[in-house]
Each structure stands twice: as C-alpha cells, then as structure tokens.
N, C-alpha and C. Protein backbone atom coordinates (compact mmCIF):
# COMPACT_ATOMS: atom_id res chain seq x y z
N MET A 1 1.11 -1.63 0.08
CA MET A 1 0.15 0.00 0.12
C MET A 1 0.71 1.79 0.03
N VAL A 2 0.40 2.31 -0.70
CA VAL A 2 0.86 3.12 -0.69
C VAL A 2 0.63 4.79 -0.09
N ILE A 3 0.75 5.23 0.91
CA ILE A 3 0.09 6.80 1.21
C ILE A 3 0.99 7.61 1.48
N LEU A 4 -0.15 8.40 0.74
CA LEU A 4 -0.17 10.50 0.92
C LEU A 4 -0.24 10.60 2.34
N GLY A 5 0.83 11.27 3.47
CA GLY A 5 0.15 12.45 3.97
C GLY A 5 0.52 13.42 3.78
N ILE A 6 -0.61 14.29 4.11
CA ILE A 6 -0.27 15.43 3.69
C ILE A 6 -0.64 16.25 5.24
N ASP A 7 0.49 17.47 5.09
CA ASP A 7 0.08 18.93 6.34
C ASP A 7 -0.29 19.78 5.84
N PRO A 8 -1.43 20.30 5.85
CA PRO A 8 -1.68 21.25 4.73
C PRO A 8 -1.45 22.71 5.60
N GLY A 9 -0.69 23.92 4.21
CA GLY A 9 -0.52 24.51 4.91
C GLY A 9 -0.56 26.30 3.44
N LEU A 10 -0.59 26.91 3.62
CA LEU A 10 -0.87 28.21 2.87
C LEU A 10 0.54 28.20 2.81
N ASN A 11 1.39 28.82 3.94
CA ASN A 11 2.87 29.02 3.39
C ASN A 11 4.26 27.95 2.88
N VAL A 12 3.21 26.34 3.82
CA VAL A 12 3.96 25.38 3.81
C VAL A 12 3.18 24.42 3.56
N THR A 13 3.19 23.28 2.69
CA THR A 13 2.73 22.16 2.63
C THR A 13 3.13 20.97 2.88
N GLY A 14 3.75 20.49 3.54
CA GLY A 14 4.02 19.22 3.54
C GLY A 14 3.44 17.82 3.31
N TYR A 15 4.82 17.38 2.60
CA TYR A 15 3.94 16.15 2.66
C TYR A 15 5.24 14.80 2.51
N GLY A 16 4.17 13.79 2.78
CA GLY A 16 4.96 12.37 2.89
C GLY A 16 4.58 10.99 2.61
N VAL A 17 4.68 10.51 1.52
CA VAL A 17 4.28 9.14 1.09
C VAL A 17 5.24 8.08 1.35
N ILE A 18 4.76 6.53 2.19
CA ILE A 18 5.03 5.63 2.28
C ILE A 18 5.07 4.76 1.60
N ALA A 19 5.53 3.31 1.96
CA ALA A 19 4.96 2.45 1.26
C ALA A 19 4.95 1.20 2.21
N THR A 20 3.89 0.54 2.51
CA THR A 20 3.73 -0.81 3.57
C THR A 20 4.27 -2.33 2.52
N PHE A 21 4.88 -2.91 3.10
CA PHE A 21 5.76 -4.55 2.49
C PHE A 21 6.23 -5.29 3.60
N ASP A 22 4.88 -5.99 4.23
CA ASP A 22 5.11 -6.80 5.39
C ASP A 22 5.38 -6.71 6.38
N HIS A 23 4.59 -5.50 6.59
CA HIS A 23 4.49 -4.56 8.03
C HIS A 23 5.81 -3.73 8.04
N GLN A 24 6.25 -3.46 7.14
CA GLN A 24 7.43 -2.34 7.21
C GLN A 24 7.57 -1.53 6.89
N LEU A 25 7.44 -0.41 6.96
CA LEU A 25 7.06 0.90 6.42
C LEU A 25 8.71 1.50 5.63
N ARG A 26 8.15 1.87 4.70
CA ARG A 26 9.31 3.11 4.38
C ARG A 26 9.38 4.09 3.16
N VAL A 27 10.31 5.20 3.45
CA VAL A 27 9.76 6.42 2.92
C VAL A 27 10.40 6.35 1.33
N VAL A 28 9.07 6.98 0.35
CA VAL A 28 8.91 6.96 -0.68
C VAL A 28 9.40 8.14 -0.90
N VAL A 29 8.61 8.98 -0.78
CA VAL A 29 9.60 10.26 -0.71
C VAL A 29 8.81 11.74 0.25
N ALA A 30 9.29 12.09 0.65
CA ALA A 30 8.82 13.64 1.97
C ALA A 30 9.61 15.11 1.46
N GLY A 31 8.33 16.18 1.13
CA GLY A 31 9.16 17.00 1.38
C GLY A 31 8.44 18.06 1.44
N ASP A 32 8.33 19.17 1.13
CA ASP A 32 7.29 20.11 1.13
C ASP A 32 7.35 21.04 -0.03
N ILE A 33 5.63 22.17 -0.17
CA ILE A 33 5.22 22.42 -1.21
C ILE A 33 5.14 24.13 -0.85
N ARG A 34 6.59 24.62 -1.33
CA ARG A 34 6.04 26.24 -0.87
C ARG A 34 5.41 28.18 -1.10
N PRO A 35 4.00 28.14 -1.77
CA PRO A 35 3.38 29.17 -2.38
C PRO A 35 4.39 30.11 -2.16
N PRO A 36 4.80 30.74 -3.49
CA PRO A 36 5.38 32.14 -3.59
C PRO A 36 4.94 32.81 -2.34
N HIS A 37 5.36 33.87 -2.15
CA HIS A 37 4.77 34.94 -0.78
C HIS A 37 4.82 35.75 -1.61
N GLY A 38 3.97 36.34 -0.97
CA GLY A 38 3.56 38.65 -1.46
C GLY A 38 2.31 38.09 -2.92
N LYS A 39 2.17 37.20 -3.51
CA LYS A 39 1.32 36.77 -4.66
C LYS A 39 0.06 36.38 -3.88
N PRO A 40 -1.04 36.94 -4.81
CA PRO A 40 -2.37 37.18 -4.51
C PRO A 40 -2.68 35.47 -4.08
N MET A 41 -3.74 35.31 -3.61
CA MET A 41 -3.88 34.18 -2.96
C MET A 41 -4.48 33.01 -4.30
N PRO A 42 -5.12 33.67 -5.07
CA PRO A 42 -5.31 32.54 -6.38
C PRO A 42 -4.30 31.80 -6.93
N GLU A 43 -3.09 32.70 -7.06
CA GLU A 43 -2.27 32.24 -7.63
C GLU A 43 -1.12 30.95 -6.38
N ARG A 44 -0.90 31.34 -5.36
CA ARG A 44 -0.84 30.57 -4.17
C ARG A 44 -1.33 29.54 -4.30
N LEU A 45 -2.93 29.16 -4.34
CA LEU A 45 -3.66 27.93 -4.61
C LEU A 45 -3.83 27.75 -5.74
N ALA A 46 -3.17 28.14 -6.62
CA ALA A 46 -2.75 27.34 -7.94
C ALA A 46 -1.84 26.48 -7.91
N TYR A 47 -0.54 27.40 -7.89
CA TYR A 47 0.99 26.91 -7.24
C TYR A 47 0.80 25.89 -6.65
N LEU A 48 0.04 25.32 -5.32
CA LEU A 48 -0.46 24.24 -5.10
C LEU A 48 -1.46 23.32 -5.41
N HIS A 49 -1.84 23.71 -5.90
CA HIS A 49 -2.32 22.78 -6.88
C HIS A 49 -2.02 21.49 -8.31
N ARG A 50 -0.96 22.62 -8.46
CA ARG A 50 0.24 21.75 -9.37
C ARG A 50 0.62 20.99 -8.65
N ALA A 51 1.74 21.76 -7.46
CA ALA A 51 2.23 20.57 -7.27
C ALA A 51 2.13 19.26 -6.30
N LEU A 52 0.94 19.37 -5.58
CA LEU A 52 0.37 18.29 -5.25
C LEU A 52 -0.06 17.73 -6.05
N ASN A 53 -0.55 18.09 -7.78
CA ASN A 53 -0.83 17.29 -8.63
C ASN A 53 0.36 16.46 -9.45
N ALA A 54 1.20 16.89 -9.34
CA ALA A 54 2.82 16.54 -9.87
C ALA A 54 2.85 15.47 -8.75
N VAL A 55 2.73 15.16 -7.66
CA VAL A 55 3.49 14.43 -6.74
C VAL A 55 2.76 13.15 -6.20
N VAL A 56 0.62 13.11 -7.12
CA VAL A 56 -0.31 12.55 -7.04
C VAL A 56 0.47 11.55 -7.94
N THR A 57 0.36 12.33 -9.16
CA THR A 57 0.82 11.54 -10.16
C THR A 57 1.72 10.74 -10.46
N SER A 58 2.75 11.15 -10.21
CA SER A 58 4.30 10.35 -9.82
C SER A 58 4.11 9.34 -8.86
N GLN A 59 3.24 9.02 -7.44
CA GLN A 59 3.58 8.44 -6.44
C GLN A 59 2.39 7.45 -6.82
N ARG A 60 0.72 8.09 -7.53
CA ARG A 60 -0.09 7.22 -7.41
C ARG A 60 0.16 6.18 -5.60
N PRO A 61 -0.33 7.14 -5.01
CA PRO A 61 -1.41 7.11 -3.96
C PRO A 61 -2.28 5.73 -3.43
N ASP A 62 -2.32 4.69 -2.79
CA ASP A 62 -4.04 4.83 -2.78
C ASP A 62 -4.15 5.21 -1.75
N VAL A 63 -4.11 5.91 -1.22
CA VAL A 63 -4.78 6.87 -0.33
C VAL A 63 -4.19 7.74 0.16
N VAL A 64 -4.65 9.06 0.31
CA VAL A 64 -4.48 10.68 0.90
C VAL A 64 -4.90 10.38 2.24
N VAL A 65 -3.86 10.93 3.43
CA VAL A 65 -4.58 11.15 4.51
C VAL A 65 -4.12 12.30 5.10
N LEU A 66 -5.20 13.04 5.26
CA LEU A 66 -5.21 14.88 6.25
C LEU A 66 -5.49 14.42 7.27
N GLU A 67 -5.03 16.08 8.03
CA GLU A 67 -5.07 16.42 9.53
C GLU A 67 -6.51 17.40 8.95
N MET A 68 -7.44 16.33 9.94
CA MET A 68 -8.32 17.51 10.26
C MET A 68 -7.86 18.88 11.12
N ILE A 69 -8.97 20.10 10.47
CA ILE A 69 -8.93 21.24 10.72
C ILE A 69 -8.99 21.53 12.63
N PHE A 70 -8.41 22.13 13.31
CA PHE A 70 -7.90 22.24 14.69
C PHE A 70 -7.61 23.70 14.82
N THR A 71 -8.63 24.17 15.25
CA THR A 71 -8.46 25.98 15.80
C THR A 71 -8.31 25.98 17.54
N HIS A 72 -7.50 26.94 17.35
CA HIS A 72 -8.23 27.23 19.00
C HIS A 72 -9.11 29.00 18.85
N GLN A 73 -9.67 29.37 19.48
CA GLN A 73 -11.05 30.53 19.38
C GLN A 73 -9.69 32.21 18.59
N ARG A 74 -8.66 31.82 19.28
CA ARG A 74 -7.37 32.94 19.27
C ARG A 74 -7.21 33.04 17.85
N TYR A 75 -7.12 31.68 16.84
CA TYR A 75 -6.52 31.70 15.69
C TYR A 75 -7.78 31.38 15.07
N ILE A 76 -8.53 31.64 14.79
CA ILE A 76 -9.76 31.66 14.01
C ILE A 76 -8.67 32.07 12.69
N GLY A 77 -8.13 33.31 12.03
CA GLY A 77 -8.23 33.20 11.12
C GLY A 77 -7.39 32.58 9.94
N THR A 78 -6.31 32.35 10.90
CA THR A 78 -5.09 30.99 10.61
C THR A 78 -5.71 29.82 9.97
N ALA A 79 -7.06 29.08 10.78
CA ALA A 79 -7.51 28.55 10.34
C ALA A 79 -8.19 28.29 9.65
N ALA A 80 -8.81 29.12 8.75
CA ALA A 80 -9.59 30.10 7.31
C ALA A 80 -8.68 29.59 6.77
N LEU A 81 -7.32 30.61 6.64
CA LEU A 81 -6.17 29.94 5.58
C LEU A 81 -5.77 28.84 5.40
N MET A 82 -5.51 28.22 6.17
CA MET A 82 -5.78 27.11 6.30
C MET A 82 -6.33 26.13 5.57
N ALA A 83 -7.66 26.22 5.40
CA ALA A 83 -8.87 25.83 5.03
C ALA A 83 -8.35 25.71 3.25
N HIS A 84 -7.92 26.92 3.52
CA HIS A 84 -7.82 27.02 1.85
C HIS A 84 -7.19 26.00 0.98
N ALA A 85 -6.11 25.84 1.34
CA ALA A 85 -5.06 24.42 1.21
C ALA A 85 -5.63 23.33 1.10
N ARG A 86 -5.77 23.31 2.52
CA ARG A 86 -6.53 21.81 3.10
C ARG A 86 -7.71 21.85 1.56
N GLY A 87 -8.63 22.92 1.45
CA GLY A 87 -9.86 22.47 -0.14
C GLY A 87 -9.34 22.04 -1.27
N ILE A 88 -7.24 22.30 -1.16
CA ILE A 88 -6.92 21.99 -2.30
C ILE A 88 -6.35 20.99 -2.79
N CYS A 89 -6.09 20.58 -1.21
CA CYS A 89 -5.44 19.46 -0.69
C CYS A 89 -7.02 17.73 -1.06
N CYS A 90 -8.02 18.53 -0.60
CA CYS A 90 -9.22 17.58 -0.98
C CYS A 90 -9.20 17.46 -2.74
N LEU A 91 -8.99 18.76 -3.15
CA LEU A 91 -9.86 18.41 -4.91
C LEU A 91 -8.53 17.77 -5.28
N VAL A 92 -7.36 17.65 -5.36
CA VAL A 92 -6.35 17.33 -5.93
C VAL A 92 -6.39 15.21 -5.55
N ALA A 93 -6.85 15.06 -4.34
CA ALA A 93 -7.60 13.84 -3.67
C ALA A 93 -8.85 13.14 -4.76
N GLU A 94 -9.94 13.82 -4.85
CA GLU A 94 -11.14 13.85 -5.43
C GLU A 94 -10.61 14.17 -7.25
N GLU A 95 -9.92 14.66 -7.78
CA GLU A 95 -9.19 15.01 -9.27
C GLU A 95 -8.69 13.31 -9.68
N HIS A 96 -7.85 13.14 -8.60
CA HIS A 96 -7.15 11.48 -9.30
C HIS A 96 -7.92 10.71 -8.37
N GLN A 97 -9.15 10.46 -7.91
CA GLN A 97 -10.01 9.34 -7.37
C GLN A 97 -9.19 8.81 -6.52
N VAL A 98 -8.51 8.78 -5.55
CA VAL A 98 -8.15 8.40 -4.58
C VAL A 98 -8.63 8.72 -3.38
N PRO A 99 -9.05 7.84 -2.72
CA PRO A 99 -9.89 7.53 -1.41
C PRO A 99 -9.44 8.69 -0.51
N LEU A 100 -10.31 9.53 0.77
CA LEU A 100 -9.23 10.39 1.79
C LEU A 100 -9.34 10.02 3.00
N VAL A 101 -8.50 9.79 4.03
CA VAL A 101 -8.96 9.98 4.99
C VAL A 101 -8.47 10.69 6.01
N GLU A 102 -9.27 10.92 7.11
CA GLU A 102 -8.80 12.42 7.84
C GLU A 102 -8.57 12.38 9.17
N TYR A 103 -7.66 12.53 9.93
CA TYR A 103 -7.28 12.29 11.49
C TYR A 103 -7.40 13.28 12.38
N PRO A 104 -8.12 13.32 13.54
CA PRO A 104 -7.57 14.47 14.20
C PRO A 104 -6.05 14.74 14.61
N PRO A 105 -5.74 15.81 15.14
CA PRO A 105 -4.08 16.54 15.36
C PRO A 105 -3.45 15.56 16.16
N ALA A 106 -4.51 15.38 17.74
CA ALA A 106 -4.23 15.00 18.53
C ALA A 106 -4.36 13.41 18.41
N ARG A 107 -4.97 12.52 17.91
CA ARG A 107 -5.00 11.29 17.77
C ARG A 107 -4.30 10.84 17.11
N VAL A 108 -3.31 11.59 15.84
CA VAL A 108 -2.22 10.95 15.18
C VAL A 108 -1.58 11.16 16.35
N LYS A 109 -0.82 12.28 17.07
CA LYS A 109 -0.01 12.31 17.70
C LYS A 109 0.11 11.59 19.23
N GLN A 110 -1.69 10.85 19.77
CA GLN A 110 -1.12 10.08 20.24
C GLN A 110 -1.32 8.74 19.77
N ALA A 111 -1.31 8.37 18.55
CA ALA A 111 -0.92 7.01 18.25
C ALA A 111 0.73 6.94 18.01
N LEU A 112 1.75 8.09 17.77
CA LEU A 112 2.44 8.16 17.34
C LEU A 112 3.91 8.18 18.66
N THR A 113 2.99 9.16 19.65
CA THR A 113 3.82 9.10 20.11
C THR A 113 3.27 9.12 22.40
N GLY A 114 2.06 8.38 21.82
CA GLY A 114 1.46 8.39 23.02
C GLY A 114 1.19 9.05 24.05
N HIS A 115 1.05 10.67 23.22
CA HIS A 115 0.65 12.27 24.04
C HIS A 115 0.58 12.61 23.22
N GLY A 116 -1.27 13.14 23.23
CA GLY A 116 -2.17 13.67 22.35
C GLY A 116 -1.31 15.29 21.80
N ALA A 117 -0.78 15.99 23.25
CA ALA A 117 -0.58 17.36 23.15
C ALA A 117 1.25 16.97 22.77
N ALA A 118 1.89 16.33 21.76
CA ALA A 118 3.13 16.36 21.83
C ALA A 118 3.61 17.17 20.55
N SER A 119 4.48 18.03 21.06
CA SER A 119 5.34 18.58 20.25
C SER A 119 5.78 18.66 18.56
N LYS A 120 5.53 19.19 17.39
CA LYS A 120 6.54 18.85 16.14
C LYS A 120 7.76 17.82 16.49
N GLU A 121 8.41 18.85 17.41
CA GLU A 121 9.93 17.81 17.01
C GLU A 121 9.61 16.39 17.87
N GLN A 122 8.79 16.96 19.27
CA GLN A 122 8.85 15.04 19.45
C GLN A 122 8.04 13.95 18.25
N VAL A 123 7.33 14.86 17.95
CA VAL A 123 6.64 13.90 16.18
C VAL A 123 7.76 13.17 15.41
N ALA A 124 9.00 14.66 15.62
CA ALA A 124 9.77 14.15 14.04
C ALA A 124 10.61 13.49 14.67
N ARG A 125 11.03 13.77 16.12
CA ARG A 125 11.46 12.32 16.92
C ARG A 125 11.23 11.18 16.73
N LEU A 126 9.68 11.12 16.69
CA LEU A 126 9.42 9.55 16.39
C LEU A 126 9.50 8.82 15.48
N VAL A 127 9.05 9.86 14.01
CA VAL A 127 8.64 9.28 12.75
C VAL A 127 10.50 8.95 12.60
N MET A 128 11.11 9.27 12.92
CA MET A 128 13.00 8.83 12.93
C MET A 128 12.78 7.60 13.42
N GLN A 129 12.66 7.38 14.42
CA GLN A 129 12.49 6.43 15.07
C GLN A 129 11.07 4.59 14.16
N TRP A 130 10.14 5.28 14.09
CA TRP A 130 9.16 4.50 13.50
C TRP A 130 9.68 3.89 11.65
N LEU A 131 10.52 5.24 11.29
CA LEU A 131 10.86 4.56 10.18
C LEU A 131 13.00 4.40 10.23
N ASP A 132 13.14 3.88 11.07
CA ASP A 132 14.18 3.35 11.03
C ASP A 132 15.34 4.37 10.79
N CYS A 133 15.08 6.05 10.96
CA CYS A 133 16.25 6.91 9.64
C CYS A 133 16.95 7.60 11.35
N ARG A 134 17.99 7.83 10.89
CA ARG A 134 18.75 8.49 12.24
C ARG A 134 17.92 9.94 11.95
N LYS A 135 18.74 10.61 10.72
CA LYS A 135 17.61 12.12 10.67
C LYS A 135 18.00 12.45 9.19
N GLY A 136 16.20 11.96 8.95
CA GLY A 136 16.25 12.62 7.14
C GLY A 136 16.35 14.30 7.28
N PRO A 137 16.20 14.72 6.18
CA PRO A 137 16.52 15.92 6.05
C PRO A 137 15.10 16.73 5.45
N TRP A 138 14.16 16.20 6.57
CA TRP A 138 13.14 16.72 6.32
C TRP A 138 12.48 17.94 7.06
N SER A 139 11.92 18.88 7.10
CA SER A 139 10.96 19.77 7.51
C SER A 139 10.26 19.21 8.68
N LEU A 140 9.64 20.37 9.04
CA LEU A 140 8.97 19.40 10.42
C LEU A 140 7.40 19.39 9.73
N ASP A 141 7.35 20.18 8.50
CA ASP A 141 6.14 20.19 8.29
C ASP A 141 5.86 18.52 6.89
N ALA A 142 7.01 18.63 6.47
CA ALA A 142 6.79 17.10 6.39
C ALA A 142 6.55 15.66 7.22
N THR A 143 7.54 16.52 8.00
CA THR A 143 7.50 14.94 8.94
C THR A 143 6.15 14.65 9.56
N ASP A 144 5.62 15.77 9.72
CA ASP A 144 3.84 15.62 9.94
C ASP A 144 3.08 15.00 9.50
N ALA A 145 3.69 15.22 7.55
CA ALA A 145 2.62 14.50 6.86
C ALA A 145 3.26 12.92 7.15
N LEU A 146 4.42 12.71 7.14
CA LEU A 146 5.17 11.45 7.57
C LEU A 146 4.03 10.93 8.72
N ALA A 147 4.41 11.60 9.69
CA ALA A 147 3.48 11.05 11.09
C ALA A 147 2.13 10.97 10.74
N LEU A 148 1.34 11.50 9.58
CA LEU A 148 -0.21 11.16 9.04
C LEU A 148 0.26 9.78 8.33
N ALA A 149 1.00 9.72 7.34
CA ALA A 149 0.63 8.62 7.23
C ALA A 149 0.71 7.16 7.96
N ILE A 150 1.94 7.33 8.83
CA ILE A 150 2.55 6.83 9.70
C ILE A 150 1.03 5.41 10.03
N ALA A 151 0.62 6.69 10.91
CA ALA A 151 -0.65 6.87 12.31
C ALA A 151 -1.57 5.40 10.82
N HIS A 152 -1.89 6.16 9.50
CA HIS A 152 -2.63 5.55 8.85
C HIS A 152 -2.73 4.05 8.90
N ALA A 153 -1.32 3.92 8.47
CA ALA A 153 -0.95 2.43 7.88
C ALA A 153 -1.17 1.57 9.37
N HIS A 154 -0.73 1.98 10.64
CA HIS A 154 -0.58 1.40 11.82
C HIS A 154 -2.33 1.29 12.32
N MET A 155 -3.13 2.35 12.41
CA MET A 155 -4.26 1.87 12.34
C MET A 155 -5.29 1.03 11.76
N GLN A 156 -5.18 1.26 10.13
CA GLN A 156 -5.54 -0.21 9.23
C GLN A 156 -4.99 -1.10 9.63
N ARG A 157 -3.73 -1.82 10.35
CA ARG A 157 -3.22 -2.66 10.06
C ARG A 157 -4.10 -3.14 11.67
N GLN A 158 -4.53 -2.34 12.65
CA GLN A 158 -5.19 -2.79 13.82
C GLN A 158 -6.37 -3.10 13.15
N GLN A 159 -7.24 -2.48 12.48
CA GLN A 159 -8.28 -2.43 12.58
C GLN A 159 -8.71 -4.09 11.37
N GLN A 160 -7.23 -4.24 10.51
CA GLN A 160 -7.67 -5.79 10.40
C GLN A 160 -7.60 -6.63 11.21
N ARG A 161 -7.05 -6.29 12.43
CA ARG A 161 -7.03 -6.95 13.68
C ARG A 161 -8.06 -7.87 13.74
N MET A 162 -9.02 -6.90 13.64
CA MET A 162 -9.93 -6.71 14.59
C MET A 162 -11.15 -7.86 14.16
N PRO A 163 -11.95 -8.40 14.51
CA PRO A 163 -12.58 -9.24 14.12
C PRO A 163 -13.86 -9.22 13.89
N GLN A 164 -13.89 -9.78 12.24
CA GLN A 164 -15.04 -9.69 11.35
C GLN A 164 -16.71 -9.81 11.96
N GLN A 165 -16.68 -10.36 12.52
CA GLN A 165 -17.86 -10.62 13.47
C GLN A 165 -18.42 -8.99 13.75
N GLY A 166 -17.28 -8.62 14.70
CA GLY A 166 -17.55 -7.26 15.85
C GLY A 166 -17.65 -6.02 14.80
N HIS A 167 -17.62 -6.23 13.39
CA HIS A 167 -17.08 -4.38 12.75
C HIS A 167 -18.00 -3.58 13.01
N ARG A 168 -19.49 -3.60 12.86
CA ARG A 168 -20.68 -3.05 13.00
C ARG A 168 -19.83 -1.92 14.79
N ASN A 169 -19.49 -2.95 15.19
CA ASN A 169 -18.95 -2.38 16.85
C ASN A 169 -17.26 -1.54 16.78
N ALA A 170 -16.82 -2.18 15.52
CA ALA A 170 -15.40 -1.49 14.79
C ALA A 170 -15.63 -0.23 14.86
N ARG A 171 -16.55 0.05 13.89
CA ARG A 171 -17.04 1.62 12.95
C ARG A 171 -17.20 2.53 13.95
N ALA A 172 -17.94 1.74 14.82
CA ALA A 172 -18.66 2.68 16.00
C ALA A 172 -17.24 3.06 17.14
N ARG A 173 -16.48 1.90 17.50
CA ARG A 173 -15.31 2.31 18.51
C ARG A 173 -14.28 3.33 17.21
N TRP A 174 -13.95 3.43 15.67
CA TRP A 174 -13.24 3.68 15.36
C TRP A 174 -13.67 5.47 15.64
N ARG A 175 -15.18 5.58 15.49
CA ARG A 175 -16.05 7.19 15.07
C ARG A 175 -15.33 7.03 16.93
N ALA A 176 -15.87 6.76 17.81
CA ALA A 176 -15.54 7.53 18.64
C ALA A 176 -14.39 8.10 18.80
N LEU A 177 -12.99 7.30 18.52
CA LEU A 177 -11.40 7.66 18.73
C LEU A 177 -11.26 9.18 17.70
N GLY A 178 -12.33 9.67 16.87
CA GLY A 178 -12.48 10.21 16.33
C GLY A 178 -12.04 10.07 14.59
N VAL A 179 -11.94 8.94 14.24
CA VAL A 179 -11.07 8.51 13.28
C VAL A 179 -12.42 8.68 12.24
N GLY A 180 -11.97 9.11 11.05
CA GLY A 180 -13.33 9.48 9.93
C GLY A 180 -12.58 9.47 8.62
N GLY A 181 -13.32 9.07 7.63
CA GLY A 181 -13.02 9.20 6.12
C GLY A 181 -13.78 9.04 5.49
N ARG A 182 -13.79 9.53 3.98
CA ARG A 182 -14.96 9.49 3.06
C ARG A 182 -14.79 8.89 1.60
C-alpha cells in the first residue's frame, strides 16, 4: 500500500509518501511545497494545486491522509487560511479518485508518541524512530505529513486485526476515537 500524508498549509504544505511491505514501512519521498509569498491567494492556491497534482501523479498513492482542522478561538483567521490549502488537497484527491481519510491532530500524535499534545519536534523524533532513520533531511511539516501516513498504516493494520463479526462495533469504536473517512 502506498500512503500519501499531507500536512496542509498556505505557506508550507508538507507531504510524505510511505509504502508498506510485509508490515514494514519505507519512505518513498517527502518534502515541502512552498507557494510564492506575496502573490495573490489564487496564484498561491494554483501553485499548490499543480505541485500536489505532480506528487499524486508521480507517486500514485492508494490513499491520501489529511489532518482535520483544529484551532483555538484566538487563531480563527489562521484556520481559515489553512482551510484554503486543505481544500486544494481534497480537490486533488478527488480529481485523481484517491480515497481520502482524515484524522484529528491529537489522534495522530497519540498514535505515534503516546501523547496527544506532543510538539512538532517530538513527532519528528518519533517519525525517525518509526522509519528507522537517523536523521532525515525533512522539515517539521514533512515529518508531520509522514506522521499522518504512519498513523494511518498502523490504524489500518489494527482495523484488519479486529474480528469480522464485530465489524459494526469496530466502526463505532473508530468513530469514537475521532477517526473519519470519506
């Protein structure tokens, strides 16, 4: 399975592609998309759209994993700006007919670090451990995207282990954990 994790942002969008083979995770590619600063919003969004299209076209993921929007009341404006970038991510997944799955940030951090309020630096360290890397050349945005992909791979593995007879109950448990999909 090839999983594309995306950490959307208007200034920097991190992406990370992992492949799973026999319960092993391998990084295929990871990096950042940085739309040009100072340009009008439509130009920045078009740049992000072209760049994400290129990633999806070249990597052919089986699933796209996005972070759900979470914000405090003080940062409503930031969330609104991030929503523009997130909308482009959803559009690209739909254009390529790739299933989209969403997770709350705290759920991803909990799955990787055991602490739902972990810092970006803590997440980056754990991503390196999960992927058996000493130090990747990736930004914190790229490691957040890789964290989304890793969390999805592990949650899928756990879901496959659940007994088939309890399938309906399993869906209810996943919803209770805040795991959603389209």
